[in-house]
């Protein structure tokens, strides 16, 4: 991680239904950091495609990823650390998000296909239909050892997951690297 005085950004990544939002909200609350739901930064055309069961292409995702990067840059300029949700399914997407941003690290929330199917079937009010699960699984490139971050299994409840993330990323309760 970067020095305690430099803003830090944890991008909570993973497949739709993995628990990114739950982990990110808990992490932001625990650390006292700003939180943004990356889905809220999607262009309207992307949301409409997903709502209609059409998988996004790289061309659809690049403007969204750049917008997330701009959001990070703005908050870094203000000296604010933050937690952001973003599927960040491919290495190239994560590379774009990290480019020129040494304070960015990833928390890959992993969960079994069966659990994803269960969660997506129960989820209400989200534009991402369960029918796009296979597309996301096909696109996913797991976080590599040479990428900054941690992979956590999200089936043990929020508190154990948060403890694991905080420990793995060397973050203390005040939100600085220990």
C-alpha atoms as a PDB file:
ATOM      1  CA  UNK A   1       0.000   0.000   0.000  1.00  0.00           C
ATOM      2  CA  UNK A   2       1.009   3.622  -0.247  1.00  0.00           C
ATOM      3  CA  UNK A   3       2.110   5.879   2.605  1.00  0.00           C
ATOM      4  CA  UNK A   4      -0.532   6.629   5.266  1.00  0.00           C
ATOM      5  CA  UNK A   5      -0.913  10.213   4.046  1.00  0.00           C
ATOM      6  CA  UNK A   6      -1.595   9.247   0.420  1.00  0.00           C
ATOM      7  CA  UNK A   7      -5.208   8.479  -0.515  1.00  0.00           C
ATOM      8  CA  UNK A   8      -5.928   4.798  -0.994  1.00  0.00           C
ATOM      9  CA  UNK A   9      -8.562   3.145  -3.150  1.00  0.00           C
ATOM     10  CA  UNK A  10      -9.893  -0.368  -2.732  1.00  0.00           C
ATOM     11  CA  UNK A  11     -11.798  -1.618  -5.759  1.00  0.00           C
ATOM     12  CA  UNK A  12     -14.085  -4.441  -4.662  1.00  0.00           C
ATOM     13  CA  UNK A  13     -14.412  -6.638  -7.736  1.00  0.00           C
ATOM     14  CA  UNK A  14     -16.162  -9.807  -8.821  1.00  0.00           C
ATOM     15  CA  UNK A  15     -19.130 -11.362 -10.576  1.00  0.00           C
ATOM     16  CA  UNK A  16     -22.618  -9.892 -10.205  1.00  0.00           C
ATOM     17  CA  UNK A  17     -24.145 -11.317  -7.028  1.00  0.00           C
ATOM     18  CA  UNK A  18     -20.791 -12.082  -5.387  1.00  0.00           C
ATOM     19  CA  UNK A  19     -21.360  -9.646  -2.532  1.00  0.00           C
ATOM     20  CA  UNK A  20     -19.266  -6.715  -3.782  1.00  0.00           C
ATOM     21  CA  UNK A  21     -21.684  -4.098  -2.472  1.00  0.00           C
ATOM     22  CA  UNK A  22     -22.011  -5.705   0.960  1.00  0.00           C
ATOM     23  CA  UNK A  23     -18.233  -6.003   1.343  1.00  0.00           C
ATOM     24  CA  UNK A  24     -17.577  -2.504  -0.023  1.00  0.00           C
ATOM     25  CA  UNK A  25     -20.168  -0.806   2.187  1.00  0.00           C
ATOM     26  CA  UNK A  26     -18.822  -2.599   5.265  1.00  0.00           C
ATOM     27  CA  UNK A  27     -15.239  -1.745   4.388  1.00  0.00           C
ATOM     28  CA  UNK A  28     -16.026   1.927   3.744  1.00  0.00           C
ATOM     29  CA  UNK A  29     -17.978   2.206   6.985  1.00  0.00           C
ATOM     30  CA  UNK A  30     -15.236   0.508   9.002  1.00  0.00           C
ATOM     31  CA  UNK A  31     -12.489   2.677   7.510  1.00  0.00           C
ATOM     32  CA  UNK A  32     -14.492   5.909   7.391  1.00  0.00           C
ATOM     33  CA  UNK A  33     -13.838   6.204   3.655  1.00  0.00           C
ATOM     34  CA  UNK A  34     -16.038   7.444   0.834  1.00  0.00           C
ATOM     35  CA  UNK A  35     -17.964   4.718  -0.991  1.00  0.00           C
ATOM     36  CA  UNK A  36     -19.246   4.656  -4.569  1.00  0.00           C
ATOM     37  CA  UNK A  37     -21.261   1.963  -6.306  1.00  0.00           C
ATOM     38  CA  UNK A  38     -19.516   1.565  -9.650  1.00  0.00           C
ATOM     39  CA  UNK A  39     -22.765   0.430 -11.271  1.00  0.00           C
ATOM     40  CA  UNK A  40     -24.082   3.972 -10.731  1.00  0.00           C
ATOM     41  CA  UNK A  41     -21.388   5.253 -13.107  1.00  0.00           C
ATOM     42  CA  UNK A  42     -22.501   3.072 -16.042  1.00  0.00           C
ATOM     43  CA  UNK A  43     -23.761   4.975 -19.088  1.00  0.00           C
ATOM     44  CA  UNK A  44     -27.530   4.599 -19.571  1.00  0.00           C
ATOM     45  CA  UNK A  45     -26.939   2.556 -22.746  1.00  0.00           C
ATOM     46  CA  UNK A  46     -24.986  -0.065 -20.751  1.00  0.00           C
ATOM     47  CA  UNK A  47     -27.733  -0.341 -18.147  1.00  0.00           C
ATOM     48  CA  UNK A  48     -30.341  -0.770 -20.882  1.00  0.00           C
ATOM     49  CA  UNK A  49     -28.300  -3.517 -22.591  1.00  0.00           C
ATOM     50  CA  UNK A  50     -27.915  -5.438 -19.337  1.00  0.00           C
ATOM     51  CA  UNK A  51     -31.575  -4.933 -18.423  1.00  0.00           C
ATOM     52  CA  UNK A  52     -32.422  -6.535 -21.787  1.00  0.00           C
ATOM     53  CA  UNK A  53     -30.104  -9.492 -21.129  1.00  0.00           C
ATOM     54  CA  UNK A  54     -27.431  -8.362 -23.585  1.00  0.00           C
ATOM     55  CA  UNK A  55     -23.849  -8.888 -22.336  1.00  0.00           C
ATOM     56  CA  UNK A  56     -21.570  -5.857 -22.413  1.00  0.00           C
ATOM     57  CA  UNK A  57     -18.603  -5.831 -24.767  1.00  0.00           C
ATOM     58  CA  UNK A  58     -15.171  -4.357 -24.111  1.00  0.00           C
ATOM     59  CA  UNK A  59     -16.252  -1.354 -26.179  1.00  0.00           C
ATOM     60  CA  UNK A  60     -19.227  -0.874 -23.834  1.00  0.00           C
ATOM     61  CA  UNK A  61     -17.054  -1.157 -20.742  1.00  0.00           C
ATOM     62  CA  UNK A  62     -14.134   1.169 -21.632  1.00  0.00           C
ATOM     63  CA  UNK A  63     -16.060   4.467 -21.147  1.00  0.00           C
ATOM     64  CA  UNK A  64     -17.435   3.168 -17.840  1.00  0.00           C
ATOM     65  CA  UNK A  65     -13.992   2.120 -16.621  1.00  0.00           C
ATOM     66  CA  UNK A  66     -12.539   5.490 -17.648  1.00  0.00           C
ATOM     67  CA  UNK A  67     -15.319   7.211 -15.690  1.00  0.00           C
ATOM     68  CA  UNK A  68     -14.415   5.179 -12.597  1.00  0.00           C
ATOM     69  CA  UNK A  69     -10.766   6.150 -13.127  1.00  0.00           C
ATOM     70  CA  UNK A  70     -11.760   9.817 -13.366  1.00  0.00           C
ATOM     71  CA  UNK A  71     -13.777   9.458 -10.157  1.00  0.00           C
ATOM     72  CA  UNK A  72     -10.683   8.025  -8.434  1.00  0.00           C
ATOM     73  CA  UNK A  73      -8.499  10.849  -9.786  1.00  0.00           C
ATOM     74  CA  UNK A  74     -10.945  13.475  -8.522  1.00  0.00           C
ATOM     75  CA  UNK A  75     -11.020  12.001  -5.022  1.00  0.00           C
ATOM     76  CA  UNK A  76      -7.273  11.488  -4.966  1.00  0.00           C
ATOM     77  CA  UNK A  77      -6.892  15.178  -5.802  1.00  0.00           C
ATOM     78  CA  UNK A  78      -9.090  15.971  -2.802  1.00  0.00           C
ATOM     79  CA  UNK A  79      -6.975  13.708  -0.576  1.00  0.00           C
ATOM     80  CA  UNK A  80      -9.879  11.307   0.057  1.00  0.00           C
ATOM     81  CA  UNK A  81      -9.530   7.537   0.244  1.00  0.00           C
ATOM     82  CA  UNK A  82     -12.430   5.464  -1.074  1.00  0.00           C
ATOM     83  CA  UNK A  83     -13.937   2.056  -1.669  1.00  0.00           C
ATOM     84  CA  UNK A  84     -15.412   1.446  -5.120  1.00  0.00           C
ATOM     85  CA  UNK A  85     -17.371  -1.489  -6.510  1.00  0.00           C
ATOM     86  CA  UNK A  86     -16.544  -2.530 -10.052  1.00  0.00           C
ATOM     87  CA  UNK A  87     -16.771  -5.973 -11.614  1.00  0.00           C
ATOM     88  CA  UNK A  88     -13.256  -5.457 -13.115  1.00  0.00           C
ATOM     89  CA  UNK A  89     -13.584  -8.877 -14.706  1.00  0.00           C
ATOM     90  CA  UNK A  90     -10.504  -8.717 -16.944  1.00  0.00           C
ATOM     91  CA  UNK A  91      -6.870  -7.979 -16.240  1.00  0.00           C
ATOM     92  CA  UNK A  92      -6.914  -5.273 -18.931  1.00  0.00           C
ATOM     93  CA  UNK A  93      -9.757  -3.517 -17.095  1.00  0.00           C
ATOM     94  CA  UNK A  94      -7.830  -3.619 -13.827  1.00  0.00           C
ATOM     95  CA  UNK A  95      -4.683  -2.390 -15.558  1.00  0.00           C
ATOM     96  CA  UNK A  96      -6.628   0.619 -16.860  1.00  0.00           C
ATOM     97  CA  UNK A  97      -7.992   1.351 -13.384  1.00  0.00           C
ATOM     98  CA  UNK A  98      -4.472   1.161 -11.863  1.00  0.00           C
ATOM     99  CA  UNK A  99      -2.687   3.131 -14.591  1.00  0.00           C
ATOM    100  CA  UNK A 100      -0.991   6.096 -12.913  1.00  0.00           C
ATOM    101  CA  UNK A 101      -2.806   5.310  -9.666  1.00  0.00           C
ATOM    102  CA  UNK A 102      -0.406   3.677  -7.190  1.00  0.00           C
ATOM    103  CA  UNK A 103      -2.979   3.871  -4.385  1.00  0.00           C
ATOM    104  CA  UNK A 104      -5.352   1.419  -6.108  1.00  0.00           C
ATOM    105  CA  UNK A 105      -5.655  -2.140  -4.855  1.00  0.00           C
ATOM    106  CA  UNK A 106      -8.268  -4.838  -5.454  1.00  0.00           C
ATOM    107  CA  UNK A 107     -10.450  -7.042  -3.296  1.00  0.00           C
ATOM    108  CA  UNK A 108     -11.760  -9.890  -5.456  1.00  0.00           C
ATOM    109  CA  UNK A 109     -14.927 -11.271  -3.862  1.00  0.00           C
ATOM    110  CA  UNK A 110     -15.166 -14.902  -4.928  1.00  0.00           C
ATOM    111  CA  UNK A 111     -18.143 -17.217  -4.551  1.00  0.00           C
ATOM    112  CA  UNK A 112     -19.262 -20.526  -6.059  1.00  0.00           C
ATOM    113  CA  UNK A 113     -21.436 -20.646  -9.143  1.00  0.00           C
ATOM    114  CA  UNK A 114     -24.203 -22.321  -7.134  1.00  0.00           C
ATOM    115  CA  UNK A 115     -24.192 -19.509  -4.577  1.00  0.00           C
ATOM    116  CA  UNK A 116     -24.167 -16.881  -7.347  1.00  0.00           C
ATOM    117  CA  UNK A 117     -27.191 -18.540  -8.952  1.00  0.00           C
ATOM    118  CA  UNK A 118     -29.025 -18.584  -5.617  1.00  0.00           C
ATOM    119  CA  UNK A 119     -28.231 -14.946  -4.856  1.00  0.00           C
ATOM    120  CA  UNK A 120     -29.179 -13.709  -8.323  1.00  0.00           C
ATOM    121  CA  UNK A 121     -32.480 -15.629  -8.199  1.00  0.00           C
ATOM    122  CA  UNK A 122     -33.323 -13.914  -4.889  1.00  0.00           C
ATOM    123  CA  UNK A 123     -32.115 -10.424  -5.832  1.00  0.00           C
ATOM    124  CA  UNK A 124     -34.804  -7.846  -6.502  1.00  0.00           C
ATOM    125  CA  UNK A 125     -34.604  -4.409  -8.096  1.00  0.00           C
ATOM    126  CA  UNK A 126     -31.285  -4.777  -9.925  1.00  0.00           C
ATOM    127  CA  UNK A 127     -30.969  -4.397 -13.680  1.00  0.00           C
ATOM    128  CA  UNK A 128     -28.461  -7.240 -14.068  1.00  0.00           C
ATOM    129  CA  UNK A 129     -30.474 -10.391 -14.862  1.00  0.00           C
ATOM    130  CA  UNK A 130     -29.396 -13.866 -13.776  1.00  0.00           C
ATOM    131  CA  UNK A 131     -29.289 -14.803 -17.471  1.00  0.00           C
ATOM    132  CA  UNK A 132     -26.005 -12.866 -17.816  1.00  0.00           C
ATOM    133  CA  UNK A 133     -24.199 -14.924 -15.159  1.00  0.00           C
ATOM    134  CA  UNK A 134     -22.545 -17.266 -17.677  1.00  0.00           C
ATOM    135  CA  UNK A 135     -21.294 -14.311 -19.717  1.00  0.00           C
ATOM    136  CA  UNK A 136     -19.626 -12.862 -16.624  1.00  0.00           C
ATOM    137  CA  UNK A 137     -18.126 -16.213 -15.638  1.00  0.00           C
ATOM    138  CA  UNK A 138     -16.750 -16.619 -19.167  1.00  0.00           C
ATOM    139  CA  UNK A 139     -15.217 -13.120 -19.043  1.00  0.00           C
ATOM    140  CA  UNK A 140     -13.692 -13.356 -15.540  1.00  0.00           C
ATOM    141  CA  UNK A 141      -9.911 -13.409 -15.265  1.00  0.00           C
ATOM    142  CA  UNK A 142      -9.059 -14.039 -11.619  1.00  0.00           C
ATOM    143  CA  UNK A 143      -6.851 -11.577  -9.782  1.00  0.00           C
ATOM    144  CA  UNK A 144      -3.234 -12.590 -10.464  1.00  0.00           C
ATOM    145  CA  UNK A 145      -0.464 -12.825  -7.875  1.00  0.00           C
ATOM    146  CA  UNK A 146       1.333  -9.872  -9.475  1.00  0.00           C
ATOM    147  CA  UNK A 147      -1.706  -7.601  -9.089  1.00  0.00           C
ATOM    148  CA  UNK A 148      -2.119  -5.636  -5.852  1.00  0.00           C
ATOM    149  CA  UNK A 149      -4.926  -7.075  -3.813  1.00  0.00           C
ATOM    150  CA  UNK A 150      -6.559 -10.052  -2.207  1.00  0.00           C
ATOM    151  CA  UNK A 151      -9.091 -12.752  -3.108  1.00  0.00           C
ATOM    152  CA  UNK A 152     -11.709 -13.443  -0.428  1.00  0.00           C
ATOM    153  CA  UNK A 153     -14.471 -16.036  -0.268  1.00  0.00           C
ATOM    154  CA  UNK A 154     -17.736 -14.271   0.576  1.00  0.00           C
ATOM    155  CA  UNK A 155     -19.701 -17.123   2.108  1.00  0.00           C
ATOM    156  CA  UNK A 156     -18.619 -16.767   5.744  1.00  0.00           C
ATOM    157  CA  UNK A 157     -20.645 -13.667   6.605  1.00  0.00           C
ATOM    158  CA  UNK A 158     -19.673 -10.011   6.463  1.00  0.00           C
ATOM    159  CA  UNK A 159     -17.554  -9.708   9.632  1.00  0.00           C
ATOM    160  CA  UNK A 160     -15.091 -12.535   8.863  1.00  0.00           C
ATOM    161  CA  UNK A 161     -14.751 -11.291   5.279  1.00  0.00           C
ATOM    162  CA  UNK A 162     -14.052  -7.731   6.453  1.00  0.00           C
ATOM    163  CA  UNK A 163     -11.445  -8.958   8.950  1.00  0.00           C
ATOM    164  CA  UNK A 164      -9.755 -10.973   6.203  1.00  0.00           C
ATOM    165  CA  UNK A 165      -9.701  -8.011   3.791  1.00  0.00           C
ATOM    166  CA  UNK A 166      -8.402  -5.558   6.403  1.00  0.00           C
ATOM    167  CA  UNK A 167      -5.643  -7.953   7.427  1.00  0.00           C
ATOM    168  CA  UNK A 168      -4.663  -8.910   3.867  1.00  0.00           C
ATOM    169  CA  UNK A 169      -4.506  -5.270   2.731  1.00  0.00           C
ATOM    170  CA  UNK A 170      -2.771  -4.133   5.937  1.00  0.00           C
ATOM    171  CA  UNK A 171      -5.472  -1.601   6.759  1.00  0.00           C
ATOM    172  CA  UNK A 172      -6.208  -0.505  10.285  1.00  0.00           C
ATOM    173  CA  UNK A 173      -9.400   1.028  11.655  1.00  0.00           C
ATOM    174  CA  UNK A 174      -8.230   4.529  10.740  1.00  0.00           C
ATOM    175  CA  UNK A 175      -7.896   3.483   7.113  1.00  0.00           C
ATOM    176  CA  UNK A 176      -4.151   3.789   6.741  1.00  0.00           C
ATOM    177  CA  UNK A 177      -1.654   1.113   5.873  1.00  0.00           C
ATOM    178  CA  UNK A 178      -0.096  -0.481   8.927  1.00  0.00           C
END
